[in-house]
Amino acid sequence: MMSLRNKIILTLVLVGVVLFMVIQIVILPENEAQSEQYQLAQQSQLTHDLESILPYKNKYMGATSNLVMFNHLPLSDRKRTFQLRPEKFTIEIHYEDKATDIEAKLFKQAMLYNSVAAFALVDNLQTVEYRFADTTTIATRVAMQDLFGEDLASLLTKEKWRTSVQDKLRDDQFVEEGMAKIQSI
């Protein structure tokens, strides 16, 4: 006959095994699925989380941390390198892919979204050059201010960002007008 002490130990072991199984089979896969879904949402201009890029707000474009923001913006899944040109207040992003490898609508939305984000976050940044294998797209602060309004930094609240940037990018005509304001060579 088992002593009371042995029964308590056995019960605790069984409870521990059951809890371990629940964590491994239910909780961890659910958390992983949520994390994957969040990462996927970060690749879309329409569902991107503004909060993920706010830590990169900076007055001056010379800081290398300015480049890190592009790791948290749409197209961050594309292989690329960066070049800072502080004398021109320019960031160059060199993508290994061709622009034509990206669905046209998503490409245009990403160019506008990433540009307005960069200019809103970095006060003295004047130009962002997106260099793909087959084309270069050049966005300027002036063009983004003309499209989204004078004070881009004022857009950096969740509600304003959603209504003034993300909702506008749902409109195909707005996207086409925006792309007409930036230069592709």
N, C-alpha and C. Protein backbone atom coordinates (compact mmCIF):
# COMPACT_ATOMS: atom_id res chain seq x y z
N MET A 1 0.83 -1.18 0.00
CA MET A 1 0.00 0.00 0.00
C MET A 1 0.88 1.25 0.00
N MET A 2 0.49 2.22 -0.82
CA MET A 2 1.28 3.45 -0.93
C MET A 2 1.03 4.35 0.26
N SER A 3 2.10 4.94 0.68
CA SER A 3 1.95 5.89 1.79
C SER A 3 1.38 7.20 1.24
N LEU A 4 0.86 8.02 2.09
CA LEU A 4 0.28 9.30 1.72
C LEU A 4 1.32 10.19 1.02
N ARG A 5 2.53 10.12 1.50
CA ARG A 5 3.62 10.91 0.92
C ARG A 5 3.86 10.52 -0.54
N ASN A 6 3.89 9.23 -0.82
CA ASN A 6 4.10 8.75 -2.18
C ASN A 6 2.94 9.15 -3.10
N LYS A 7 1.71 9.13 -2.58
CA LYS A 7 0.54 9.52 -3.37
C LYS A 7 0.62 11.00 -3.72
N ILE A 8 1.05 11.82 -2.79
CA ILE A 8 1.19 13.26 -3.04
C ILE A 8 2.25 13.51 -4.10
N ILE A 9 3.37 12.83 -3.98
CA ILE A 9 4.46 12.97 -4.97
C ILE A 9 3.98 12.54 -6.35
N LEU A 10 3.30 11.40 -6.43
CA LEU A 10 2.79 10.89 -7.70
C LEU A 10 1.78 11.87 -8.30
N THR A 11 0.90 12.43 -7.47
CA THR A 11 -0.09 13.40 -7.93
C THR A 11 0.61 14.65 -8.48
N LEU A 12 1.60 15.15 -7.77
CA LEU A 12 2.34 16.32 -8.21
C LEU A 12 3.07 16.06 -9.53
N VAL A 13 3.64 14.89 -9.67
CA VAL A 13 4.32 14.53 -10.92
C VAL A 13 3.32 14.49 -12.07
N LEU A 14 2.16 13.89 -11.86
CA LEU A 14 1.14 13.81 -12.90
C LEU A 14 0.64 15.20 -13.29
N VAL A 15 0.39 16.04 -12.29
CA VAL A 15 -0.03 17.41 -12.57
C VAL A 15 1.05 18.14 -13.37
N GLY A 16 2.31 17.96 -12.99
CA GLY A 16 3.42 18.58 -13.70
C GLY A 16 3.49 18.12 -15.15
N VAL A 17 3.32 16.82 -15.38
CA VAL A 17 3.36 16.28 -16.75
C VAL A 17 2.21 16.84 -17.58
N VAL A 18 1.01 16.89 -17.00
CA VAL A 18 -0.15 17.43 -17.71
C VAL A 18 0.07 18.91 -18.06
N LEU A 19 0.54 19.69 -17.10
CA LEU A 19 0.81 21.11 -17.37
C LEU A 19 1.88 21.29 -18.44
N PHE A 20 2.92 20.48 -18.37
CA PHE A 20 3.98 20.53 -19.38
C PHE A 20 3.41 20.25 -20.77
N MET A 21 2.54 19.24 -20.87
CA MET A 21 1.93 18.88 -22.15
C MET A 21 1.03 20.02 -22.66
N VAL A 22 0.26 20.62 -21.77
CA VAL A 22 -0.61 21.73 -22.17
C VAL A 22 0.24 22.88 -22.72
N ILE A 23 1.31 23.19 -22.04
CA ILE A 23 2.18 24.28 -22.49
C ILE A 23 2.79 23.94 -23.86
N GLN A 24 3.30 22.74 -24.01
CA GLN A 24 3.96 22.34 -25.26
C GLN A 24 3.00 22.17 -26.43
N ILE A 25 1.81 21.66 -26.15
CA ILE A 25 0.88 21.31 -27.23
C ILE A 25 -0.08 22.46 -27.56
N VAL A 26 -0.44 23.27 -26.58
CA VAL A 26 -1.45 24.30 -26.81
C VAL A 26 -0.85 25.72 -26.77
N ILE A 27 -0.25 26.08 -25.68
CA ILE A 27 0.14 27.48 -25.46
C ILE A 27 1.28 27.92 -26.38
N LEU A 28 2.37 27.17 -26.44
CA LEU A 28 3.51 27.58 -27.28
C LEU A 28 3.15 27.66 -28.76
N PRO A 29 2.47 26.66 -29.34
CA PRO A 29 2.10 26.79 -30.76
C PRO A 29 1.17 27.98 -31.02
N GLU A 30 0.27 28.26 -30.07
CA GLU A 30 -0.63 29.40 -30.23
C GLU A 30 0.15 30.72 -30.22
N ASN A 31 1.10 30.84 -29.30
CA ASN A 31 1.94 32.04 -29.24
C ASN A 31 2.78 32.19 -30.49
N GLU A 32 3.31 31.08 -30.98
CA GLU A 32 4.13 31.10 -32.20
C GLU A 32 3.29 31.52 -33.40
N ALA A 33 2.07 31.02 -33.48
CA ALA A 33 1.18 31.39 -34.59
C ALA A 33 0.84 32.87 -34.53
N GLN A 34 0.60 33.40 -33.34
CA GLN A 34 0.33 34.83 -33.20
C GLN A 34 1.55 35.66 -33.61
N SER A 35 2.73 35.21 -33.24
CA SER A 35 3.96 35.92 -33.60
C SER A 35 4.15 35.92 -35.12
N GLU A 36 3.92 34.78 -35.76
CA GLU A 36 4.05 34.70 -37.21
C GLU A 36 3.03 35.59 -37.90
N GLN A 37 1.81 35.63 -37.37
CA GLN A 37 0.77 36.47 -37.95
C GLN A 37 1.15 37.95 -37.81
N TYR A 38 1.71 38.33 -36.67
CA TYR A 38 2.14 39.71 -36.45
C TYR A 38 3.26 40.07 -37.45
N GLN A 39 4.24 39.18 -37.60
CA GLN A 39 5.34 39.45 -38.53
C GLN A 39 4.83 39.59 -39.96
N LEU A 40 3.86 38.76 -40.34
CA LEU A 40 3.27 38.85 -41.67
C LEU A 40 2.54 40.18 -41.84
N ALA A 41 1.84 40.62 -40.80
CA ALA A 41 1.12 41.90 -40.85
C ALA A 41 2.10 43.06 -41.01
N GLN A 42 3.32 42.91 -40.53
CA GLN A 42 4.31 43.98 -40.63
C GLN A 42 4.82 44.16 -42.05
N GLN A 43 4.58 43.20 -42.92
CA GLN A 43 5.00 43.33 -44.31
C GLN A 43 3.96 44.04 -45.17
N SER A 44 2.80 44.32 -44.59
CA SER A 44 1.75 45.03 -45.33
C SER A 44 1.68 46.48 -44.84
N GLN A 45 1.65 47.38 -45.78
CA GLN A 45 1.54 48.80 -45.45
C GLN A 45 0.22 49.10 -44.75
N LEU A 46 -0.79 48.31 -45.05
CA LEU A 46 -2.14 48.57 -44.55
C LEU A 46 -2.35 48.07 -43.13
N THR A 47 -1.48 47.15 -42.68
CA THR A 47 -1.63 46.59 -41.33
C THR A 47 -0.39 46.78 -40.47
N HIS A 48 0.59 47.45 -40.99
CA HIS A 48 1.85 47.66 -40.27
C HIS A 48 1.60 48.40 -38.96
N ASP A 49 2.33 48.01 -37.92
CA ASP A 49 2.19 48.59 -36.59
C ASP A 49 3.15 49.76 -36.43
N LEU A 50 2.61 50.97 -36.38
CA LEU A 50 3.42 52.18 -36.22
C LEU A 50 4.32 52.11 -35.01
N GLU A 51 3.85 51.52 -33.92
CA GLU A 51 4.61 51.45 -32.67
C GLU A 51 5.97 50.78 -32.86
N SER A 52 6.08 49.88 -33.84
CA SER A 52 7.34 49.15 -34.04
C SER A 52 8.46 50.04 -34.58
N ILE A 53 8.12 51.19 -35.15
CA ILE A 53 9.16 52.06 -35.71
C ILE A 53 9.37 53.35 -34.92
N LEU A 54 8.49 53.66 -34.00
CA LEU A 54 8.63 54.90 -33.23
C LEU A 54 9.94 55.02 -32.46
N PRO A 55 10.54 53.92 -31.98
CA PRO A 55 11.83 54.07 -31.28
C PRO A 55 12.94 54.64 -32.17
N TYR A 56 12.74 54.68 -33.48
CA TYR A 56 13.78 55.15 -34.39
C TYR A 56 13.61 56.62 -34.78
N LYS A 57 12.75 57.32 -34.07
CA LYS A 57 12.58 58.77 -34.29
C LYS A 57 13.89 59.47 -33.95
N ASN A 58 14.36 60.33 -34.86
CA ASN A 58 15.64 60.99 -34.68
C ASN A 58 15.62 62.33 -35.40
N LYS A 59 16.31 63.30 -34.83
CA LYS A 59 16.40 64.61 -35.49
C LYS A 59 17.35 64.59 -36.68
N TYR A 60 18.37 63.74 -36.60
CA TYR A 60 19.44 63.79 -37.60
C TYR A 60 19.59 62.46 -38.31
N MET A 61 19.82 62.51 -39.61
CA MET A 61 19.89 61.29 -40.41
C MET A 61 21.25 60.61 -40.37
N GLY A 62 22.24 61.17 -39.77
CA GLY A 62 23.57 60.57 -39.76
C GLY A 62 23.71 59.35 -38.88
N ALA A 63 22.76 59.11 -37.99
CA ALA A 63 22.87 57.98 -37.05
C ALA A 63 22.55 56.66 -37.77
N THR A 64 23.35 55.66 -37.52
CA THR A 64 23.14 54.35 -38.14
C THR A 64 21.82 53.74 -37.70
N SER A 65 21.34 54.12 -36.53
CA SER A 65 20.07 53.58 -36.05
C SER A 65 18.93 53.94 -37.01
N ASN A 66 19.12 54.98 -37.82
CA ASN A 66 18.10 55.33 -38.81
C ASN A 66 17.88 54.20 -39.80
N LEU A 67 18.91 53.45 -40.06
CA LEU A 67 18.79 52.35 -41.01
C LEU A 67 18.00 51.18 -40.42
N VAL A 68 18.07 51.04 -39.11
CA VAL A 68 17.39 49.92 -38.45
C VAL A 68 15.88 50.01 -38.65
N MET A 69 15.36 51.22 -38.79
CA MET A 69 13.91 51.35 -38.98
C MET A 69 13.44 50.58 -40.20
N PHE A 70 14.29 50.47 -41.23
CA PHE A 70 13.90 49.74 -42.44
C PHE A 70 13.79 48.23 -42.20
N ASN A 71 14.34 47.75 -41.09
CA ASN A 71 14.16 46.34 -40.71
C ASN A 71 12.79 46.10 -40.11
N HIS A 72 12.03 47.17 -39.89
CA HIS A 72 10.70 47.07 -39.28
C HIS A 72 9.63 47.64 -40.19
N LEU A 73 9.95 47.84 -41.44
CA LEU A 73 9.00 48.38 -42.41
C LEU A 73 8.70 47.34 -43.48
N PRO A 74 7.63 47.51 -44.23
CA PRO A 74 7.37 46.61 -45.36
C PRO A 74 8.59 46.53 -46.29
N LEU A 75 8.77 45.41 -46.90
CA LEU A 75 9.90 45.04 -47.75
C LEU A 75 11.14 44.67 -46.94
N SER A 76 11.01 44.59 -45.62
CA SER A 76 12.16 44.20 -44.80
C SER A 76 12.54 42.74 -45.01
N ASP A 77 11.66 41.97 -45.64
CA ASP A 77 11.97 40.58 -45.94
C ASP A 77 12.82 40.44 -47.21
N ARG A 78 13.07 41.54 -47.88
CA ARG A 78 13.90 41.53 -49.10
C ARG A 78 15.36 41.77 -48.72
N LYS A 79 16.25 41.07 -49.38
CA LYS A 79 17.68 41.22 -49.12
C LYS A 79 18.15 42.58 -49.65
N ARG A 80 18.88 43.31 -48.77
CA ARG A 80 19.26 44.67 -49.14
C ARG A 80 20.48 45.13 -48.33
N THR A 81 21.09 46.19 -48.81
CA THR A 81 22.17 46.88 -48.09
C THR A 81 21.81 48.36 -48.08
N PHE A 82 22.53 49.10 -47.24
CA PHE A 82 22.24 50.52 -47.07
C PHE A 82 23.48 51.36 -47.29
N GLN A 83 23.24 52.60 -47.66
CA GLN A 83 24.31 53.59 -47.78
C GLN A 83 23.76 54.92 -47.27
N LEU A 84 24.44 55.48 -46.29
CA LEU A 84 24.08 56.83 -45.80
C LEU A 84 24.89 57.85 -46.58
N ARG A 85 24.25 58.89 -47.02
CA ARG A 85 24.93 60.00 -47.68
C ARG A 85 24.57 61.29 -46.91
N PRO A 86 25.25 61.47 -45.74
CA PRO A 86 24.88 62.60 -44.89
C PRO A 86 25.09 63.96 -45.54
N GLU A 87 26.04 64.07 -46.44
CA GLU A 87 26.27 65.37 -47.10
C GLU A 87 25.09 65.75 -47.98
N LYS A 88 24.30 64.77 -48.43
CA LYS A 88 23.11 65.02 -49.26
C LYS A 88 21.82 64.78 -48.47
N PHE A 89 21.96 64.40 -47.18
CA PHE A 89 20.80 64.05 -46.36
C PHE A 89 19.96 62.96 -47.03
N THR A 90 20.67 61.92 -47.50
CA THR A 90 20.06 60.86 -48.29
C THR A 90 20.38 59.49 -47.71
N ILE A 91 19.39 58.61 -47.76
CA ILE A 91 19.59 57.19 -47.45
C ILE A 91 19.35 56.43 -48.74
N GLU A 92 20.31 55.57 -49.10
CA GLU A 92 20.15 54.69 -50.27
C GLU A 92 19.91 53.27 -49.75
N ILE A 93 18.92 52.61 -50.32
CA ILE A 93 18.65 51.22 -49.99
C ILE A 93 18.83 50.43 -51.28
N HIS A 94 19.78 49.51 -51.27
CA HIS A 94 20.10 48.71 -52.45
C HIS A 94 19.49 47.32 -52.28
N TYR A 95 18.45 47.04 -53.05
CA TYR A 95 17.78 45.74 -53.00
C TYR A 95 18.39 44.81 -54.05
N GLU A 96 18.52 43.54 -53.71
CA GLU A 96 19.02 42.57 -54.68
C GLU A 96 17.94 42.17 -55.68
N ASP A 97 16.68 42.28 -55.28
CA ASP A 97 15.56 41.92 -56.14
C ASP A 97 15.30 42.98 -57.20
N LYS A 98 14.54 42.57 -58.21
CA LYS A 98 14.01 43.52 -59.17
C LYS A 98 12.70 44.06 -58.62
N ALA A 99 12.39 45.28 -58.93
CA ALA A 99 11.10 45.85 -58.52
C ALA A 99 9.96 45.06 -59.14
N THR A 100 10.19 44.54 -60.34
CA THR A 100 9.15 43.77 -61.03
C THR A 100 8.89 42.41 -60.37
N ASP A 101 9.75 41.99 -59.44
CA ASP A 101 9.52 40.76 -58.69
C ASP A 101 8.45 40.94 -57.62
N ILE A 102 8.10 42.20 -57.35
CA ILE A 102 7.11 42.53 -56.33
C ILE A 102 5.83 42.92 -57.05
N GLU A 103 4.70 42.45 -56.56
CA GLU A 103 3.41 42.80 -57.16
C GLU A 103 3.31 44.33 -57.24
N ALA A 104 2.90 44.85 -58.38
CA ALA A 104 2.97 46.29 -58.67
C ALA A 104 2.26 47.16 -57.63
N LYS A 105 1.07 46.79 -57.25
CA LYS A 105 0.32 47.60 -56.28
C LYS A 105 1.04 47.63 -54.94
N LEU A 106 1.51 46.47 -54.49
CA LEU A 106 2.23 46.40 -53.22
C LEU A 106 3.53 47.19 -53.27
N PHE A 107 4.21 47.13 -54.40
CA PHE A 107 5.45 47.88 -54.58
C PHE A 107 5.20 49.38 -54.42
N LYS A 108 4.19 49.87 -55.11
CA LYS A 108 3.88 51.31 -55.06
C LYS A 108 3.49 51.73 -53.65
N GLN A 109 2.63 50.93 -53.01
CA GLN A 109 2.22 51.25 -51.64
C GLN A 109 3.43 51.26 -50.71
N ALA A 110 4.33 50.29 -50.88
CA ALA A 110 5.51 50.20 -50.01
C ALA A 110 6.44 51.39 -50.22
N MET A 111 6.61 51.83 -51.46
CA MET A 111 7.47 52.99 -51.72
C MET A 111 6.93 54.23 -51.00
N LEU A 112 5.63 54.43 -51.07
CA LEU A 112 5.03 55.60 -50.42
C LEU A 112 5.05 55.45 -48.91
N TYR A 113 4.68 54.27 -48.43
CA TYR A 113 4.61 54.04 -46.98
C TYR A 113 5.99 54.17 -46.34
N ASN A 114 6.97 53.47 -46.88
CA ASN A 114 8.31 53.52 -46.31
C ASN A 114 8.91 54.92 -46.38
N SER A 115 8.58 55.64 -47.44
CA SER A 115 9.10 57.00 -47.59
C SER A 115 8.51 57.94 -46.55
N VAL A 116 7.18 57.93 -46.42
CA VAL A 116 6.57 58.84 -45.45
C VAL A 116 7.01 58.46 -44.04
N ALA A 117 7.20 57.17 -43.77
CA ALA A 117 7.69 56.75 -42.46
C ALA A 117 9.10 57.29 -42.21
N ALA A 118 9.97 57.14 -43.18
CA ALA A 118 11.35 57.61 -43.01
C ALA A 118 11.40 59.12 -42.79
N PHE A 119 10.64 59.87 -43.57
CA PHE A 119 10.67 61.33 -43.43
C PHE A 119 9.99 61.79 -42.14
N ALA A 120 8.97 61.07 -41.70
CA ALA A 120 8.30 61.42 -40.44
C ALA A 120 9.21 61.14 -39.25
N LEU A 121 10.03 60.09 -39.36
CA LEU A 121 10.88 59.68 -38.25
C LEU A 121 12.21 60.43 -38.18
N VAL A 122 12.74 60.83 -39.30
CA VAL A 122 14.06 61.48 -39.33
C VAL A 122 13.88 62.91 -39.84
N ASP A 123 14.04 63.84 -38.93
CA ASP A 123 13.70 65.24 -39.21
C ASP A 123 14.47 65.88 -40.36
N ASN A 124 15.76 65.58 -40.49
CA ASN A 124 16.52 66.28 -41.54
C ASN A 124 16.78 65.42 -42.78
N LEU A 125 16.18 64.25 -42.85
CA LEU A 125 16.30 63.41 -44.05
C LEU A 125 15.58 64.10 -45.20
N GLN A 126 16.23 64.19 -46.36
CA GLN A 126 15.64 64.86 -47.51
C GLN A 126 15.29 63.92 -48.66
N THR A 127 16.04 62.81 -48.78
CA THR A 127 15.83 61.92 -49.92
C THR A 127 16.03 60.46 -49.50
N VAL A 128 15.19 59.58 -50.04
CA VAL A 128 15.39 58.14 -49.89
C VAL A 128 15.43 57.57 -51.30
N GLU A 129 16.52 56.87 -51.61
CA GLU A 129 16.67 56.22 -52.92
C GLU A 129 16.53 54.72 -52.73
N TYR A 130 15.56 54.15 -53.43
CA TYR A 130 15.33 52.70 -53.39
C TYR A 130 15.91 52.15 -54.69
N ARG A 131 17.06 51.50 -54.60
CA ARG A 131 17.74 51.00 -55.79
C ARG A 131 17.50 49.50 -55.92
N PHE A 132 16.72 49.14 -56.92
CA PHE A 132 16.45 47.75 -57.22
C PHE A 132 17.33 47.34 -58.40
N ALA A 133 17.38 46.07 -58.70
CA ALA A 133 18.23 45.59 -59.79
C ALA A 133 17.80 46.16 -61.14
N ASP A 134 16.52 46.50 -61.29
CA ASP A 134 16.02 46.96 -62.58
C ASP A 134 15.56 48.42 -62.61
N THR A 135 15.49 49.08 -61.47
CA THR A 135 15.02 50.47 -61.44
C THR A 135 15.44 51.13 -60.13
N THR A 136 15.40 52.43 -60.14
CA THR A 136 15.64 53.21 -58.92
C THR A 136 14.46 54.15 -58.72
N THR A 137 13.95 54.16 -57.51
CA THR A 137 12.85 55.06 -57.16
C THR A 137 13.38 56.04 -56.13
N ILE A 138 13.18 57.33 -56.40
CA ILE A 138 13.71 58.38 -55.53
C ILE A 138 12.54 59.16 -54.94
N ALA A 139 12.45 59.12 -53.62
CA ALA A 139 11.40 59.86 -52.90
C ALA A 139 12.05 61.03 -52.16
N THR A 140 11.41 62.17 -52.23
CA THR A 140 11.92 63.34 -51.52
C THR A 140 10.94 63.77 -50.43
N ARG A 141 11.48 64.46 -49.46
CA ARG A 141 10.64 65.00 -48.38
C ARG A 141 9.57 65.92 -48.97
N VAL A 142 9.94 66.76 -49.91
CA VAL A 142 9.00 67.72 -50.51
C VAL A 142 7.82 66.97 -51.14
N ALA A 143 8.11 65.90 -51.87
CA ALA A 143 7.04 65.13 -52.52
C ALA A 143 6.12 64.50 -51.48
N MET A 144 6.69 63.96 -50.40
CA MET A 144 5.87 63.33 -49.37
C MET A 144 5.07 64.36 -48.59
N GLN A 145 5.64 65.55 -48.37
CA GLN A 145 4.90 66.62 -47.70
C GLN A 145 3.74 67.08 -48.57
N ASP A 146 3.97 67.15 -49.86
CA ASP A 146 2.92 67.55 -50.80
C ASP A 146 1.78 66.53 -50.78
N LEU A 147 2.13 65.27 -50.62
CA LEU A 147 1.15 64.19 -50.66
C LEU A 147 0.43 63.99 -49.33
N PHE A 148 1.18 64.01 -48.23
CA PHE A 148 0.62 63.67 -46.91
C PHE A 148 0.43 64.88 -45.99
N GLY A 149 0.93 66.04 -46.38
CA GLY A 149 0.80 67.23 -45.53
C GLY A 149 2.16 67.72 -45.08
N GLU A 150 2.22 68.98 -44.72
CA GLU A 150 3.48 69.64 -44.39
C GLU A 150 4.26 69.00 -43.25
N ASP A 151 3.61 68.77 -42.12
CA ASP A 151 4.33 68.28 -40.94
C ASP A 151 4.20 66.76 -40.82
N LEU A 152 5.11 66.05 -41.44
CA LEU A 152 5.04 64.58 -41.46
C LEU A 152 5.19 63.98 -40.07
N ALA A 153 5.99 64.61 -39.22
CA ALA A 153 6.18 64.10 -37.87
C ALA A 153 4.88 64.12 -37.06
N SER A 154 3.97 65.01 -37.41
CA SER A 154 2.70 65.08 -36.68
C SER A 154 1.81 63.87 -36.98
N LEU A 155 2.15 63.11 -37.98
CA LEU A 155 1.38 61.90 -38.32
C LEU A 155 1.69 60.73 -37.40
N LEU A 156 2.72 60.85 -36.57
CA LEU A 156 3.22 59.73 -35.79
C LEU A 156 2.41 59.41 -34.53
N THR A 157 1.09 59.43 -34.66
CA THR A 157 0.22 58.89 -33.62
C THR A 157 -0.59 57.79 -34.29
N LYS A 158 -0.99 56.82 -33.52
CA LYS A 158 -1.65 55.64 -34.09
C LYS A 158 -2.87 56.02 -34.94
N GLU A 159 -3.72 56.87 -34.42
CA GLU A 159 -4.95 57.24 -35.12
C GLU A 159 -4.65 58.06 -36.37
N LYS A 160 -3.79 59.07 -36.25
CA LYS A 160 -3.45 59.90 -37.41
C LYS A 160 -2.75 59.08 -38.49
N TRP A 161 -1.87 58.18 -38.08
CA TRP A 161 -1.14 57.34 -39.03
C TRP A 161 -2.12 56.47 -39.82
N ARG A 162 -3.07 55.89 -39.09
CA ARG A 162 -4.05 55.02 -39.75
C ARG A 162 -4.89 55.82 -40.75
N THR A 163 -5.41 56.96 -40.33
CA THR A 163 -6.31 57.72 -41.21
C THR A 163 -5.56 58.49 -42.30
N SER A 164 -4.41 59.04 -41.97
CA SER A 164 -3.71 59.92 -42.92
C SER A 164 -2.72 59.20 -43.82
N VAL A 165 -2.34 57.98 -43.43
CA VAL A 165 -1.38 57.24 -44.25
C VAL A 165 -1.99 55.92 -44.72
N GLN A 166 -2.25 55.02 -43.79
CA GLN A 166 -2.69 53.67 -44.17
C GLN A 166 -4.02 53.67 -44.92
N ASP A 167 -5.00 54.42 -44.45
CA ASP A 167 -6.30 54.45 -45.15
C ASP A 167 -6.17 55.05 -46.54
N LYS A 168 -5.33 56.07 -46.69
CA LYS A 168 -5.13 56.69 -48.00
C LYS A 168 -4.48 55.71 -48.98
N LEU A 169 -3.61 54.85 -48.47
CA LEU A 169 -2.92 53.90 -49.35
C LEU A 169 -3.85 52.79 -49.87
N ARG A 170 -5.06 52.72 -49.34
CA ARG A 170 -6.06 51.77 -49.85
C ARG A 170 -6.68 52.28 -51.16
N ASP A 171 -6.54 53.58 -51.40
CA ASP A 171 -7.12 54.23 -52.58
C ASP A 171 -6.11 54.15 -53.74
N ASP A 172 -6.46 53.39 -54.76
CA ASP A 172 -5.56 53.20 -55.91
C ASP A 172 -5.21 54.52 -56.60
N GLN A 173 -6.17 55.41 -56.70
CA GLN A 173 -5.90 56.70 -57.35
C GLN A 173 -4.90 57.52 -56.53
N PHE A 174 -5.04 57.50 -55.21
CA PHE A 174 -4.09 58.20 -54.35
C PHE A 174 -2.68 57.63 -54.54
N VAL A 175 -2.58 56.31 -54.61
CA VAL A 175 -1.27 55.66 -54.78
C VAL A 175 -0.66 56.06 -56.12
N GLU A 176 -1.48 56.08 -57.16
CA GLU A 176 -0.96 56.48 -58.48
C GLU A 176 -0.51 57.94 -58.47
N GLU A 177 -1.29 58.81 -57.83
CA GLU A 177 -0.89 60.22 -57.72
C GLU A 177 0.41 60.35 -56.93
N GLY A 178 0.54 59.55 -55.89
CA GLY A 178 1.75 59.58 -55.08
C GLY A 178 2.97 59.12 -55.86
N MET A 179 2.79 58.06 -56.64
CA MET A 179 3.92 57.56 -57.43
C MET A 179 4.32 58.56 -58.51
N ALA A 180 3.37 59.35 -58.98
CA ALA A 180 3.69 60.37 -59.98
C ALA A 180 4.56 61.47 -59.38
N LYS A 181 4.51 61.62 -58.05
CA LYS A 181 5.29 62.67 -57.38
C LYS A 181 6.72 62.23 -57.07
N ILE A 182 6.96 60.92 -57.10
CA ILE A 182 8.33 60.46 -56.85
C ILE A 182 8.93 59.97 -58.16
N GLN A 183 10.23 60.00 -58.21
CA GLN A 183 10.93 59.76 -59.46
C GLN A 183 11.38 58.32 -59.57
N SER A 184 11.12 57.71 -60.73
CA SER A 184 11.65 56.38 -61.03
C SER A 184 12.56 56.50 -62.24
N ILE A 185 13.76 55.95 -62.08
CA ILE A 185 14.71 56.00 -63.20
C ILE A 185 15.22 54.60 -63.50
